[in-house]
Amino acid sequence: MSNLKFKKVKFGTLYDGRKVHLYTVSNGSMSFSAIDYGCTITSILLPAKGGKKVDVLLGCSTLEGYASSGSCFGTVVGRFANRIGGAAFSLNGKTYQLDKNDGENCLHGGFDRYEKKLWSAKKIRTDKGLGIEFSRISPAGEQNMPGNLKIKVTYTLNEDNELTLDYFAKTDAPTPVNLTNHAYFNLKGYDGGSIEDQELKMDCSKFVEVDEHSHSVWKPLFC
């Protein structure tokens, strides 16, 4: 018998009256919670010594906290995560000017961020476990990006304590797409002290090098 459980509760109300919900998936050992505002993962509870549970994710306790924060705590970031150098790119002979919200660069999509959008959400069960599917359409012109972009983001948990994040995108026109989750982790817990003695290994075949200002900046390669 599966120990996986799903729960949905109201988390808060936006200024325009739309309700935001909190979804929690647990397997009896660990759990995670996320809200449909920005596909934001609000907590990841892991088993600790003495039978306790520790939240290893940094975040806010209220909707107001997430709505007013500019730090992308646990949120989906797009249409293009990281920085686009010069806040502009050329595609098929046309230049697209973007928001300059990080010096001369466009960071995480500019001022009209995916993290401040209310996404559609539903419970899902797949071969990767039990979880939540978030979806929305980013229309052409949003963030001054070309193409309508259908986005689906899924968070699933299985009984082996594996939390899987998957991203799907389909567009009707050429467009830059680079989606990610912007979580801040402390494996010692929210109030467990410094992360200075923790190490992270990224099993990646490629990475974006930092520039002379110690910021990763994407320089478009297609025109």
C-alpha atoms as a PDB file:
ATOM      1  CA  MET A   1       0.000   0.000   0.000  1.00  0.00           C
ATOM      2  CA  SER A   2       1.372   3.395  -0.967  1.00  0.00           C
ATOM      3  CA  ASN A   3       2.237   5.935   1.735  1.00  0.00           C
ATOM      4  CA  LEU A   4       1.986   8.822  -0.704  1.00  0.00           C
ATOM      5  CA  LYS A   5      -0.594  11.426   0.269  1.00  0.00           C
ATOM      6  CA  PHE A   6      -1.798  14.684  -1.297  1.00  0.00           C
ATOM      7  CA  LYS A   7      -3.364  17.685   0.454  1.00  0.00           C
ATOM      8  CA  LYS A   8      -4.692  21.028  -0.781  1.00  0.00           C
ATOM      9  CA  VAL A   9      -5.530  24.021   1.428  1.00  0.00           C
ATOM     10  CA  LYS A  10      -6.051  27.755   0.926  1.00  0.00           C
ATOM     11  CA  PHE A  11      -2.837  29.756   1.375  1.00  0.00           C
ATOM     12  CA  GLY A  12      -4.028  33.324   0.823  1.00  0.00           C
ATOM     13  CA  THR A  13      -5.782  35.813  -1.438  1.00  0.00           C
ATOM     14  CA  LEU A  14      -4.223  38.127  -3.993  1.00  0.00           C
ATOM     15  CA  TYR A  15      -5.076  41.824  -4.190  1.00  0.00           C
ATOM     16  CA  ASP A  16      -7.535  41.134  -7.028  1.00  0.00           C
ATOM     17  CA  GLY A  17      -9.430  38.493  -5.066  1.00  0.00           C
ATOM     18  CA  ARG A  18      -7.943  35.398  -6.667  1.00  0.00           C
ATOM     19  CA  LYS A  19      -7.241  32.594  -4.211  1.00  0.00           C
ATOM     20  CA  VAL A  20      -3.820  30.963  -3.855  1.00  0.00           C
ATOM     21  CA  HIS A  21      -3.618  27.343  -2.695  1.00  0.00           C
ATOM     22  CA  LEU A  22      -0.947  25.314  -0.927  1.00  0.00           C
ATOM     23  CA  TYR A  23      -0.353  21.738  -2.074  1.00  0.00           C
ATOM     24  CA  THR A  24       1.495  19.209   0.088  1.00  0.00           C
ATOM     25  CA  VAL A  25       2.747  15.788  -0.994  1.00  0.00           C
ATOM     26  CA  SER A  26       4.146  13.377   1.611  1.00  0.00           C
ATOM     27  CA  ASN A  27       5.363   9.793   1.707  1.00  0.00           C
ATOM     28  CA  GLY A  28       5.460   9.219   5.475  1.00  0.00           C
ATOM     29  CA  SER A  29       9.174  10.055   5.659  1.00  0.00           C
ATOM     30  CA  MET A  30       9.526  13.388   3.850  1.00  0.00           C
ATOM     31  CA  SER A  31       7.219  15.923   2.260  1.00  0.00           C
ATOM     32  CA  PHE A  32       7.220  19.045   0.133  1.00  0.00           C
ATOM     33  CA  SER A  33       4.751  21.876  -0.259  1.00  0.00           C
ATOM     34  CA  ALA A  34       4.184  24.292  -3.134  1.00  0.00           C
ATOM     35  CA  ILE A  35       1.776  27.069  -4.045  1.00  0.00           C
ATOM     36  CA  ASP A  36       0.237  27.908  -7.422  1.00  0.00           C
ATOM     37  CA  TYR A  37       1.561  31.467  -7.142  1.00  0.00           C
ATOM     38  CA  GLY A  38       4.797  31.250  -9.117  1.00  0.00           C
ATOM     39  CA  CYS A  39       4.912  27.411  -8.830  1.00  0.00           C
ATOM     40  CA  THR A  40       6.717  28.203  -5.588  1.00  0.00           C
ATOM     41  CA  ILE A  41       8.088  25.369  -3.460  1.00  0.00           C
ATOM     42  CA  THR A  42       7.542  26.660   0.075  1.00  0.00           C
ATOM     43  CA  SER A  43       9.082  23.850   2.125  1.00  0.00           C
ATOM     44  CA  ILE A  44      10.889  20.525   1.940  1.00  0.00           C
ATOM     45  CA  LEU A  45      10.695  18.597   5.192  1.00  0.00           C
ATOM     46  CA  LEU A  46      13.313  15.871   5.687  1.00  0.00           C
ATOM     47  CA  PRO A  47      13.752  13.384   8.545  1.00  0.00           C
ATOM     48  CA  ALA A  48      16.339  14.418  11.132  1.00  0.00           C
ATOM     49  CA  LYS A  49      17.794  13.067  14.361  1.00  0.00           C
ATOM     50  CA  GLY A  50      15.420  12.244  17.181  1.00  0.00           C
ATOM     51  CA  GLY A  51      12.490  11.650  14.868  1.00  0.00           C
ATOM     52  CA  LYS A  52      12.216  15.334  14.046  1.00  0.00           C
ATOM     53  CA  LYS A  53      11.603  16.899  10.639  1.00  0.00           C
ATOM     54  CA  VAL A  54      13.764  19.736   9.335  1.00  0.00           C
ATOM     55  CA  ASP A  55      12.796  22.224   6.626  1.00  0.00           C
ATOM     56  CA  VAL A  56      15.827  22.577   4.332  1.00  0.00           C
ATOM     57  CA  LEU A  57      14.294  25.242   2.084  1.00  0.00           C
ATOM     58  CA  LEU A  58      14.497  28.981   2.657  1.00  0.00           C
ATOM     59  CA  GLY A  59      11.245  30.836   2.056  1.00  0.00           C
ATOM     60  CA  CYS A  60       8.389  32.889   3.439  1.00  0.00           C
ATOM     61  CA  SER A  61       5.553  31.915   5.768  1.00  0.00           C
ATOM     62  CA  THR A  62       2.857  34.022   4.088  1.00  0.00           C
ATOM     63  CA  LEU A  63       1.597  34.877   0.616  1.00  0.00           C
ATOM     64  CA  GLU A  64       2.378  38.521   1.329  1.00  0.00           C
ATOM     65  CA  GLY A  65       5.999  37.549   1.880  1.00  0.00           C
ATOM     66  CA  TYR A  66       6.275  35.895  -1.525  1.00  0.00           C
ATOM     67  CA  ALA A  67       4.310  38.637  -3.287  1.00  0.00           C
ATOM     68  CA  SER A  68       6.604  41.383  -1.973  1.00  0.00           C
ATOM     69  CA  SER A  69       9.899  39.489  -2.253  1.00  0.00           C
ATOM     70  CA  GLY A  70      12.289  39.984  -5.153  1.00  0.00           C
ATOM     71  CA  SER A  71      14.475  37.007  -4.235  1.00  0.00           C
ATOM     72  CA  CYS A  72      12.616  34.254  -6.164  1.00  0.00           C
ATOM     73  CA  PHE A  73      12.461  31.971  -3.111  1.00  0.00           C
ATOM     74  CA  GLY A  74      11.647  28.505  -4.506  1.00  0.00           C
ATOM     75  CA  THR A  75       9.921  29.913  -7.593  1.00  0.00           C
ATOM     76  CA  VAL A  76       9.873  29.037 -11.271  1.00  0.00           C
ATOM     77  CA  VAL A  77      12.052  31.439 -13.246  1.00  0.00           C
ATOM     78  CA  GLY A  78      11.587  32.216 -16.956  1.00  0.00           C
ATOM     79  CA  ARG A  79      11.060  32.781 -19.813  1.00  0.00           C
ATOM     80  CA  PHE A  80      14.844  32.977 -19.620  1.00  0.00           C
ATOM     81  CA  ALA A  81      16.532  32.306 -16.286  1.00  0.00           C
ATOM     82  CA  ASN A  82      19.818  34.085 -15.564  1.00  0.00           C
ATOM     83  CA  ARG A  83      20.971  37.163 -17.467  1.00  0.00           C
ATOM     84  CA  ILE A  84      20.669  38.174 -21.097  1.00  0.00           C
ATOM     85  CA  GLY A  85      23.596  40.485 -21.782  1.00  0.00           C
ATOM     86  CA  GLY A  86      22.693  43.994 -22.873  1.00  0.00           C
ATOM     87  CA  ALA A  87      18.999  43.237 -22.293  1.00  0.00           C
ATOM     88  CA  ALA A  88      18.550  42.492 -25.999  1.00  0.00           C
ATOM     89  CA  PHE A  89      18.890  39.702 -28.541  1.00  0.00           C
ATOM     90  CA  SER A  90      18.434  39.267 -32.280  1.00  0.00           C
ATOM     91  CA  LEU A  91      16.403  36.473 -33.813  1.00  0.00           C
ATOM     92  CA  ASN A  92      15.536  35.972 -37.483  1.00  0.00           C
ATOM     93  CA  GLY A  93      16.675  39.483 -38.335  1.00  0.00           C
ATOM     94  CA  LYS A  94      14.691  41.212 -35.592  1.00  0.00           C
ATOM     95  CA  THR A  95      16.101  42.729 -32.399  1.00  0.00           C
ATOM     96  CA  TYR A  96      14.131  42.310 -29.179  1.00  0.00           C
ATOM     97  CA  GLN A  97      14.692  44.859 -26.418  1.00  0.00           C
ATOM     98  CA  LEU A  98      14.135  43.557 -22.884  1.00  0.00           C
ATOM     99  CA  ASP A  99      13.867  45.070 -19.418  1.00  0.00           C
ATOM    100  CA  LYS A 100      17.110  46.265 -17.854  1.00  0.00           C
ATOM    101  CA  ASN A 101      16.592  45.086 -14.296  1.00  0.00           C
ATOM    102  CA  ASP A 102      20.189  44.067 -13.510  1.00  0.00           C
ATOM    103  CA  GLY A 103      22.425  46.904 -14.583  1.00  0.00           C
ATOM    104  CA  GLU A 104      22.546  46.691 -18.375  1.00  0.00           C
ATOM    105  CA  ASN A 105      21.264  43.111 -18.358  1.00  0.00           C
ATOM    106  CA  CYS A 106      17.862  41.426 -18.258  1.00  0.00           C
ATOM    107  CA  LEU A 107      17.637  39.082 -15.270  1.00  0.00           C
ATOM    108  CA  HIS A 108      15.090  36.234 -14.960  1.00  0.00           C
ATOM    109  CA  GLY A 109      12.707  37.719 -17.523  1.00  0.00           C
ATOM    110  CA  GLY A 110      12.785  41.340 -16.415  1.00  0.00           C
ATOM    111  CA  PHE A 111      10.102  43.039 -14.344  1.00  0.00           C
ATOM    112  CA  ASP A 112       7.128  40.908 -15.468  1.00  0.00           C
ATOM    113  CA  ARG A 113       8.197  37.735 -13.713  1.00  0.00           C
ATOM    114  CA  TYR A 114       6.732  34.223 -13.910  1.00  0.00           C
ATOM    115  CA  GLU A 115       7.033  34.022 -10.131  1.00  0.00           C
ATOM    116  CA  LYS A 116       4.327  36.683  -9.777  1.00  0.00           C
ATOM    117  CA  LYS A 117       1.812  34.782 -11.936  1.00  0.00           C
ATOM    118  CA  LEU A 118      -0.995  32.540 -10.698  1.00  0.00           C
ATOM    119  CA  TRP A 119      -0.662  29.177 -12.432  1.00  0.00           C
ATOM    120  CA  SER A 120      -3.248  26.456 -13.026  1.00  0.00           C
ATOM    121  CA  ALA A 121      -2.586  23.446 -10.817  1.00  0.00           C
ATOM    122  CA  LYS A 122      -3.776  19.864 -10.492  1.00  0.00           C
ATOM    123  CA  LYS A 123      -2.860  16.639  -8.733  1.00  0.00           C
ATOM    124  CA  ILE A 124      -0.969  14.097 -10.841  1.00  0.00           C
ATOM    125  CA  ARG A 125       0.299  10.539 -10.425  1.00  0.00           C
ATOM    126  CA  THR A 126       3.025   9.288 -12.754  1.00  0.00           C
ATOM    127  CA  ASP A 127       5.786   6.677 -12.789  1.00  0.00           C
ATOM    128  CA  LYS A 128       7.850   9.274 -10.902  1.00  0.00           C
ATOM    129  CA  GLY A 129       5.402   9.429  -8.001  1.00  0.00           C
ATOM    130  CA  LEU A 130       2.604  11.639  -6.733  1.00  0.00           C
ATOM    131  CA  GLY A 131       2.718  15.354  -7.295  1.00  0.00           C
ATOM    132  CA  ILE A 132       1.474  18.614  -8.746  1.00  0.00           C
ATOM    133  CA  GLU A 133       1.284  19.827 -12.325  1.00  0.00           C
ATOM    134  CA  PHE A 134       1.397  23.601 -12.852  1.00  0.00           C
ATOM    135  CA  SER A 135       0.654  25.147 -16.238  1.00  0.00           C
ATOM    136  CA  ARG A 136       0.122  28.479 -17.973  1.00  0.00           C
ATOM    137  CA  ILE A 137       0.464  30.143 -21.378  1.00  0.00           C
ATOM    138  CA  SER A 138       3.012  32.919 -21.681  1.00  0.00           C
ATOM    139  CA  PRO A 139       1.588  34.969 -24.571  1.00  0.00           C
ATOM    140  CA  ALA A 140       3.694  36.436 -27.350  1.00  0.00           C
ATOM    141  CA  GLY A 141       4.910  39.856 -26.244  1.00  0.00           C
ATOM    142  CA  GLU A 142       5.068  38.967 -22.545  1.00  0.00           C
ATOM    143  CA  GLN A 143       8.494  40.146 -21.346  1.00  0.00           C
ATOM    144  CA  ASN A 144       8.776  41.308 -25.001  1.00  0.00           C
ATOM    145  CA  MET A 145       9.532  37.719 -26.018  1.00  0.00           C
ATOM    146  CA  PRO A 146       8.345  36.259 -29.334  1.00  0.00           C
ATOM    147  CA  GLY A 147       5.981  33.301 -29.588  1.00  0.00           C
ATOM    148  CA  ASN A 148       3.164  31.971 -27.465  1.00  0.00           C
ATOM    149  CA  LEU A 149       4.700  29.541 -24.983  1.00  0.00           C
ATOM    150  CA  LYS A 150       2.721  26.734 -23.359  1.00  0.00           C
ATOM    151  CA  ILE A 151       4.475  25.783 -20.126  1.00  0.00           C
ATOM    152  CA  LYS A 152       4.007  22.796 -17.841  1.00  0.00           C
ATOM    153  CA  VAL A 153       5.990  22.270 -14.645  1.00  0.00           C
ATOM    154  CA  THR A 154       5.641  19.137 -12.523  1.00  0.00           C
ATOM    155  CA  TYR A 155       6.875  18.372  -9.007  1.00  0.00           C
ATOM    156  CA  THR A 156       6.631  14.703  -8.003  1.00  0.00           C
ATOM    157  CA  LEU A 157       7.653  12.736  -4.914  1.00  0.00           C
ATOM    158  CA  ASN A 158       8.123   8.969  -4.672  1.00  0.00           C
ATOM    159  CA  GLU A 159       8.523   6.578  -1.748  1.00  0.00           C
ATOM    160  CA  ASP A 160      12.318   6.582  -2.107  1.00  0.00           C
ATOM    161  CA  ASN A 161      12.482  10.249  -0.989  1.00  0.00           C
ATOM    162  CA  GLU A 162      13.147  11.456  -4.536  1.00  0.00           C
ATOM    163  CA  LEU A 163      11.682  14.825  -5.477  1.00  0.00           C
ATOM    164  CA  THR A 164      11.669  15.332  -9.261  1.00  0.00           C
ATOM    165  CA  LEU A 165      11.153  18.630 -11.095  1.00  0.00           C
ATOM    166  CA  ASP A 166      10.288  18.473 -14.801  1.00  0.00           C
ATOM    167  CA  TYR A 167       9.784  21.335 -17.244  1.00  0.00           C
ATOM    168  CA  PHE A 168       7.942  21.217 -20.562  1.00  0.00           C
ATOM    169  CA  ALA A 169       7.536  24.048 -23.074  1.00  0.00           C
ATOM    170  CA  LYS A 170       5.982  24.298 -26.528  1.00  0.00           C
ATOM    171  CA  THR A 171       6.060  27.421 -28.689  1.00  0.00           C
ATOM    172  CA  ASP A 172       4.506  28.467 -31.981  1.00  0.00           C
ATOM    173  CA  ALA A 173       7.512  30.620 -32.959  1.00  0.00           C
ATOM    174  CA  PRO A 174      11.302  30.603 -32.386  1.00  0.00           C
ATOM    175  CA  THR A 175      12.040  32.021 -28.927  1.00  0.00           C
ATOM    176  CA  PRO A 176      14.665  31.734 -26.159  1.00  0.00           C
ATOM    177  CA  VAL A 177      13.529  29.398 -23.346  1.00  0.00           C
ATOM    178  CA  ASN A 178      15.473  28.599 -20.192  1.00  0.00           C
ATOM    179  CA  LEU A 179      13.324  27.529 -17.231  1.00  0.00           C
ATOM    180  CA  THR A 180      14.498  26.625 -13.741  1.00  0.00           C
ATOM    181  CA  ASN A 181      13.554  26.640 -10.069  1.00  0.00           C
ATOM    182  CA  HIS A 182      15.200  29.243  -7.863  1.00  0.00           C
ATOM    183  CA  ALA A 183      15.375  27.385  -4.524  1.00  0.00           C
ATOM    184  CA  TYR A 184      17.705  28.308  -1.651  1.00  0.00           C
ATOM    185  CA  PHE A 185      18.789  25.284   0.401  1.00  0.00           C
ATOM    186  CA  ASN A 186      20.333  24.821   3.815  1.00  0.00           C
ATOM    187  CA  LEU A 187      20.650  21.134   4.651  1.00  0.00           C
ATOM    188  CA  LYS A 188      20.992  22.029   8.332  1.00  0.00           C
ATOM    189  CA  GLY A 189      17.530  23.519   8.298  1.00  0.00           C
ATOM    190  CA  TYR A 190      16.013  26.973   8.193  1.00  0.00           C
ATOM    191  CA  ASP A 191      17.688  28.087  11.433  1.00  0.00           C
ATOM    192  CA  GLY A 192      20.512  25.548  11.533  1.00  0.00           C
ATOM    193  CA  GLY A 193      23.403  27.879  10.870  1.00  0.00           C
ATOM    194  CA  SER A 194      25.774  28.514   7.986  1.00  0.00           C
ATOM    195  CA  ILE A 195      25.984  26.542   4.729  1.00  0.00           C
ATOM    196  CA  GLU A 196      29.730  27.218   4.433  1.00  0.00           C
ATOM    197  CA  ASP A 197      30.691  23.578   5.065  1.00  0.00           C
ATOM    198  CA  GLN A 198      28.150  22.161   2.599  1.00  0.00           C
ATOM    199  CA  GLU A 199      29.093  21.099  -0.912  1.00  0.00           C
ATOM    200  CA  LEU A 200      26.983  20.831  -4.062  1.00  0.00           C
ATOM    201  CA  LYS A 201      27.896  18.672  -7.048  1.00  0.00           C
ATOM    202  CA  MET A 202      26.351  19.555 -10.402  1.00  0.00           C
ATOM    203  CA  ASP A 203      26.442  16.570 -12.772  1.00  0.00           C
ATOM    204  CA  CYS A 204      26.334  18.753 -15.890  1.00  0.00           C
ATOM    205  CA  SER A 205      27.874  18.314 -19.321  1.00  0.00           C
ATOM    206  CA  LYS A 206      27.815  22.091 -19.956  1.00  0.00           C
ATOM    207  CA  PHE A 207      27.671  25.329 -17.982  1.00  0.00           C
ATOM    208  CA  VAL A 208      27.625  29.075 -18.619  1.00  0.00           C
ATOM    209  CA  GLU A 209      30.906  30.724 -17.686  1.00  0.00           C
ATOM    210  CA  VAL A 210      30.895  33.863 -15.541  1.00  0.00           C
ATOM    211  CA  ASP A 211      31.980  37.151 -17.062  1.00  0.00           C
ATOM    212  CA  GLU A 212      34.452  39.678 -15.670  1.00  0.00           C
ATOM    213  CA  HIS A 213      31.785  40.982 -13.289  1.00  0.00           C
ATOM    214  CA  SER A 214      31.240  37.505 -11.809  1.00  0.00           C
ATOM    215  CA  HIS A 215      27.785  37.271 -13.389  1.00  0.00           C
ATOM    216  CA  SER A 216      26.752  34.580 -15.830  1.00  0.00           C
ATOM    217  CA  VAL A 217      25.516  36.391 -18.925  1.00  0.00           C
ATOM    218  CA  TRP A 218      23.952  34.732 -21.934  1.00  0.00           C
ATOM    219  CA  LYS A 219      25.146  36.026 -25.268  1.00  0.00           C
ATOM    220  CA  PRO A 220      22.796  34.923 -28.063  1.00  0.00           C
ATOM    221  CA  LEU A 221      24.342  32.592 -30.607  1.00  0.00           C
ATOM    222  CA  PHE A 222      21.450  32.504 -33.062  1.00  0.00           C
ATOM    223  CA  CYS A 223      20.405  35.364 -35.356  1.00  0.00           C
END
